[in-house]
Amino acid sequence: MGKPMSTLSKHGTEVGRIEGLSSVTVYMNDGTVHKDSGNGWRCAGRVRECLTPADAYERAAEREAARYELAPCLAAYRRLLHSTVPQHRDRRRLHVSIAQHAGRVDDVLTDSLEVLCLHLDEADLATLCGAYRLAHFEATELLHSRS
């Protein structure tokens, strides 16, 4: 069995929140780090003793920002995904569908209506799928340039 669900309020106040492509990570003032990838909050770990929760959050936020600076197409896809689908659980499910269907609009549209129960405009979905394909191409190019 997986880890039990976590309740954020039991861990004090939120120090910071990082909304990734398809998940949300929260740093709490008691030093715990919680993550929701679409299946509820899970305790992902603790902040190292040499850092305060605020310092750990700042470092993680800087790493996340640097990641998107290196990959502007990924950053554009993320912004578009977040603006199209505000709920992170639905956003994750849509991203997985787009990735599984390699950005093919018709397949993603069918999935979004029948499986995900998301009613999205076909033009918005086509724009999102195009942005995904660019981000995927960019990631492939970055990977090849590093090897």
C-alpha atoms as a PDB file:
ATOM      1  CA  MET A   1       0.000   0.000   0.000  1.00  0.00           C
ATOM      2  CA  GLY A   2       1.053   3.607  -0.558  1.00  0.00           C
ATOM      3  CA  LYS A   3       1.648   6.252   2.024  1.00  0.00           C
ATOM      4  CA  PRO A   4      -1.407   7.483   3.919  1.00  0.00           C
ATOM      5  CA  MET A   5      -3.014  10.771   2.944  1.00  0.00           C
ATOM      6  CA  SER A   6      -1.575  13.808   4.642  1.00  0.00           C
ATOM      7  CA  THR A   7      -3.457  16.720   6.189  1.00  0.00           C
ATOM      8  CA  LEU A   8      -1.656  20.011   5.653  1.00  0.00           C
ATOM      9  CA  SER A   9      -3.273  21.838   8.566  1.00  0.00           C
ATOM     10  CA  LYS A  10      -1.699  19.392  11.030  1.00  0.00           C
ATOM     11  CA  HIS A  11       1.741  20.640  10.016  1.00  0.00           C
ATOM     12  CA  GLY A  12       1.358  24.330  10.806  1.00  0.00           C
ATOM     13  CA  THR A  13       1.281  27.075   8.248  1.00  0.00           C
ATOM     14  CA  GLU A  14       2.384  26.990   4.656  1.00  0.00           C
ATOM     15  CA  VAL A  15       5.791  28.558   4.002  1.00  0.00           C
ATOM     16  CA  GLY A  16       5.630  28.268   0.226  1.00  0.00           C
ATOM     17  CA  ARG A  17       4.000  26.430  -2.645  1.00  0.00           C
ATOM     18  CA  ILE A  18       5.556  25.358  -5.946  1.00  0.00           C
ATOM     19  CA  GLU A  19       3.167  24.444  -8.730  1.00  0.00           C
ATOM     20  CA  GLY A  20       5.021  22.223 -11.142  1.00  0.00           C
ATOM     21  CA  LEU A  21       3.833  20.941 -14.473  1.00  0.00           C
ATOM     22  CA  SER A  22       1.513  18.310 -13.026  1.00  0.00           C
ATOM     23  CA  SER A  23       2.017  18.420  -9.271  1.00  0.00           C
ATOM     24  CA  VAL A  24       2.075  20.807  -6.321  1.00  0.00           C
ATOM     25  CA  THR A  25       4.729  20.801  -3.595  1.00  0.00           C
ATOM     26  CA  VAL A  26       4.138  22.613  -0.294  1.00  0.00           C
ATOM     27  CA  TYR A  27       6.731  23.496   2.348  1.00  0.00           C
ATOM     28  CA  MET A  28       5.297  23.726   5.875  1.00  0.00           C
ATOM     29  CA  ASN A  29       6.730  25.616   8.849  1.00  0.00           C
ATOM     30  CA  ASP A  30       7.219  22.389  10.863  1.00  0.00           C
ATOM     31  CA  GLY A  31       9.810  21.302   8.277  1.00  0.00           C
ATOM     32  CA  THR A  32       7.701  18.782   6.373  1.00  0.00           C
ATOM     33  CA  VAL A  33       7.331  18.822   2.598  1.00  0.00           C
ATOM     34  CA  HIS A  34       4.061  17.603   1.060  1.00  0.00           C
ATOM     35  CA  LYS A  35       3.299  16.775  -2.543  1.00  0.00           C
ATOM     36  CA  ASP A  36       0.071  16.287  -4.454  1.00  0.00           C
ATOM     37  CA  SER A  37       0.389  14.622  -7.846  1.00  0.00           C
ATOM     38  CA  GLY A  38      -3.334  14.198  -8.296  1.00  0.00           C
ATOM     39  CA  ASN A  39      -4.003  11.548  -5.659  1.00  0.00           C
ATOM     40  CA  GLY A  40      -4.158  13.706  -2.539  1.00  0.00           C
ATOM     41  CA  TRP A  41      -1.460  15.154  -0.323  1.00  0.00           C
ATOM     42  CA  ARG A  42       1.427  12.892   0.660  1.00  0.00           C
ATOM     43  CA  CYS A  43       4.316  13.665   2.963  1.00  0.00           C
ATOM     44  CA  ALA A  44       7.299  13.773   0.596  1.00  0.00           C
ATOM     45  CA  GLY A  45       9.935  14.281   3.272  1.00  0.00           C
ATOM     46  CA  ARG A  46      11.456  16.752   5.661  1.00  0.00           C
ATOM     47  CA  VAL A  47      13.674  19.766   5.251  1.00  0.00           C
ATOM     48  CA  ARG A  48      17.305  19.067   6.145  1.00  0.00           C
ATOM     49  CA  GLU A  49      18.214  20.163   9.663  1.00  0.00           C
ATOM     50  CA  CYS A  50      20.815  22.631   8.366  1.00  0.00           C
ATOM     51  CA  LEU A  51      18.057  24.599   6.570  1.00  0.00           C
ATOM     52  CA  THR A  52      14.978  26.445   7.712  1.00  0.00           C
ATOM     53  CA  PRO A  53      11.725  25.623   5.889  1.00  0.00           C
ATOM     54  CA  ALA A  54      11.823  29.102   4.302  1.00  0.00           C
ATOM     55  CA  ASP A  55      15.388  28.560   3.049  1.00  0.00           C
ATOM     56  CA  ALA A  56      14.491  25.139   1.646  1.00  0.00           C
ATOM     57  CA  TYR A  57      11.481  26.611  -0.150  1.00  0.00           C
ATOM     58  CA  GLU A  58      13.563  29.461  -1.612  1.00  0.00           C
ATOM     59  CA  ARG A  59      16.175  27.007  -2.906  1.00  0.00           C
ATOM     60  CA  ALA A  60      13.514  24.772  -4.464  1.00  0.00           C
ATOM     61  CA  ALA A  61      11.764  27.761  -6.051  1.00  0.00           C
ATOM     62  CA  GLU A  62      15.082  28.955  -7.517  1.00  0.00           C
ATOM     63  CA  ARG A  63      15.769  25.480  -8.972  1.00  0.00           C
ATOM     64  CA  GLU A  64      12.269  25.409 -10.487  1.00  0.00           C
ATOM     65  CA  ALA A  65      12.741  28.876 -12.015  1.00  0.00           C
ATOM     66  CA  ALA A  66      16.157  27.887 -13.421  1.00  0.00           C
ATOM     67  CA  ARG A  67      14.612  24.781 -14.970  1.00  0.00           C
ATOM     68  CA  TYR A  68      12.100  26.885 -16.887  1.00  0.00           C
ATOM     69  CA  GLU A  69      14.757  29.426 -17.921  1.00  0.00           C
ATOM     70  CA  LEU A  70      16.650  26.631 -19.683  1.00  0.00           C
ATOM     71  CA  ALA A  71      13.488  25.425 -21.411  1.00  0.00           C
ATOM     72  CA  PRO A  72      11.306  28.346 -22.553  1.00  0.00           C
ATOM     73  CA  CYS A  73       8.949  26.088 -24.554  1.00  0.00           C
ATOM     74  CA  LEU A  74       8.333  23.998 -21.433  1.00  0.00           C
ATOM     75  CA  ALA A  75       7.656  27.200 -19.491  1.00  0.00           C
ATOM     76  CA  ALA A  76       5.174  28.330 -22.151  1.00  0.00           C
ATOM     77  CA  TYR A  77       3.434  24.930 -22.112  1.00  0.00           C
ATOM     78  CA  ARG A  78       3.237  25.058 -18.304  1.00  0.00           C
ATOM     79  CA  ARG A  79       1.712  28.561 -18.329  1.00  0.00           C
ATOM     80  CA  LEU A  80      -0.804  27.527 -20.979  1.00  0.00           C
ATOM     81  CA  LEU A  81      -1.715  24.315 -19.136  1.00  0.00           C
ATOM     82  CA  HIS A  82      -2.197  26.206 -15.867  1.00  0.00           C
ATOM     83  CA  SER A  83      -4.333  28.907 -17.481  1.00  0.00           C
ATOM     84  CA  THR A  84      -6.462  26.378 -19.404  1.00  0.00           C
ATOM     85  CA  VAL A  85      -7.105  24.041 -16.452  1.00  0.00           C
ATOM     86  CA  PRO A  86      -6.938  25.787 -13.049  1.00  0.00           C
ATOM     87  CA  GLN A  87      -7.497  22.677 -10.866  1.00  0.00           C
ATOM     88  CA  HIS A  88      -4.178  20.846 -10.434  1.00  0.00           C
ATOM     89  CA  ARG A  89      -5.793  17.376 -10.271  1.00  0.00           C
ATOM     90  CA  ASP A  90      -7.522  17.924 -13.618  1.00  0.00           C
ATOM     91  CA  ARG A  91      -4.391  19.589 -14.975  1.00  0.00           C
ATOM     92  CA  ARG A  92      -2.296  16.523 -14.153  1.00  0.00           C
ATOM     93  CA  ARG A  93      -4.803  14.183 -15.766  1.00  0.00           C
ATOM     94  CA  LEU A  94      -4.924  16.300 -18.921  1.00  0.00           C
ATOM     95  CA  HIS A  95      -1.122  16.507 -19.113  1.00  0.00           C
ATOM     96  CA  VAL A  96      -0.859  12.715 -18.813  1.00  0.00           C
ATOM     97  CA  SER A  97      -3.442  12.315 -21.585  1.00  0.00           C
ATOM     98  CA  ILE A  98      -1.553  14.725 -23.854  1.00  0.00           C
ATOM     99  CA  ALA A  99       1.734  12.930 -23.184  1.00  0.00           C
ATOM    100  CA  GLN A 100       0.213   9.465 -23.748  1.00  0.00           C
ATOM    101  CA  HIS A 101      -1.285  10.518 -27.072  1.00  0.00           C
ATOM    102  CA  ALA A 102       1.865  12.426 -28.129  1.00  0.00           C
ATOM    103  CA  GLY A 103      -0.157  15.610 -28.508  1.00  0.00           C
ATOM    104  CA  ARG A 104      -2.632  14.220 -31.072  1.00  0.00           C
ATOM    105  CA  VAL A 105      -5.580  16.602 -30.697  1.00  0.00           C
ATOM    106  CA  ASP A 106      -8.377  14.198 -31.709  1.00  0.00           C
ATOM    107  CA  ASP A 107      -7.271  11.505 -29.235  1.00  0.00           C
ATOM    108  CA  VAL A 108      -6.811  14.022 -26.420  1.00  0.00           C
ATOM    109  CA  LEU A 109     -10.187  15.605 -27.168  1.00  0.00           C
ATOM    110  CA  THR A 110     -11.889  12.195 -26.958  1.00  0.00           C
ATOM    111  CA  ASP A 111     -10.044  11.463 -23.701  1.00  0.00           C
ATOM    112  CA  SER A 112     -10.906  14.839 -22.205  1.00  0.00           C
ATOM    113  CA  LEU A 113     -14.613  14.400 -22.897  1.00  0.00           C
ATOM    114  CA  GLU A 114     -15.130  10.688 -22.222  1.00  0.00           C
ATOM    115  CA  VAL A 115     -12.547   9.809 -19.594  1.00  0.00           C
ATOM    116  CA  LEU A 116     -11.516  13.041 -17.889  1.00  0.00           C
ATOM    117  CA  CYS A 117     -14.939  14.735 -18.060  1.00  0.00           C
ATOM    118  CA  LEU A 118     -13.276  18.017 -19.007  1.00  0.00           C
ATOM    119  CA  HIS A 119     -15.121  20.149 -21.505  1.00  0.00           C
ATOM    120  CA  LEU A 120     -12.439  22.076 -23.338  1.00  0.00           C
ATOM    121  CA  ASP A 121     -12.650  24.043 -26.545  1.00  0.00           C
ATOM    122  CA  GLU A 122     -11.025  22.177 -29.451  1.00  0.00           C
ATOM    123  CA  ALA A 123      -8.987  25.251 -30.437  1.00  0.00           C
ATOM    124  CA  ASP A 124      -7.617  25.607 -26.870  1.00  0.00           C
ATOM    125  CA  LEU A 125      -6.765  21.926 -26.847  1.00  0.00           C
ATOM    126  CA  ALA A 126      -5.018  22.194 -30.221  1.00  0.00           C
ATOM    127  CA  THR A 127      -2.935  25.113 -28.920  1.00  0.00           C
ATOM    128  CA  LEU A 128      -2.077  23.136 -25.783  1.00  0.00           C
ATOM    129  CA  CYS A 129      -1.093  20.039 -27.801  1.00  0.00           C
ATOM    130  CA  GLY A 130       1.074  22.172 -30.091  1.00  0.00           C
ATOM    131  CA  ALA A 131       2.817  23.708 -27.088  1.00  0.00           C
ATOM    132  CA  TYR A 132       3.385  20.209 -25.669  1.00  0.00           C
ATOM    133  CA  ARG A 133       4.982  19.019 -28.915  1.00  0.00           C
ATOM    134  CA  LEU A 134       7.318  22.049 -28.899  1.00  0.00           C
ATOM    135  CA  ALA A 135       8.250  21.427 -25.257  1.00  0.00           C
ATOM    136  CA  HIS A 136       8.870  17.743 -25.990  1.00  0.00           C
ATOM    137  CA  PHE A 137      11.074  18.626 -28.967  1.00  0.00           C
ATOM    138  CA  GLU A 138      12.948  21.162 -26.836  1.00  0.00           C
ATOM    139  CA  ALA A 139      13.541  18.578 -24.101  1.00  0.00           C
ATOM    140  CA  THR A 140      14.847  16.079 -26.647  1.00  0.00           C
ATOM    141  CA  GLU A 141      17.217  18.688 -28.086  1.00  0.00           C
ATOM    142  CA  LEU A 142      18.469  19.659 -24.613  1.00  0.00           C
ATOM    143  CA  LEU A 143      19.073  16.009 -23.774  1.00  0.00           C
ATOM    144  CA  HIS A 144      21.067  15.435 -26.973  1.00  0.00           C
ATOM    145  CA  SER A 145      23.102  18.609 -26.515  1.00  0.00           C
ATOM    146  CA  ARG A 146      24.220  17.459 -23.049  1.00  0.00           C
ATOM    147  CA  SER A 147      25.431  14.034 -24.208  1.00  0.00           C
END
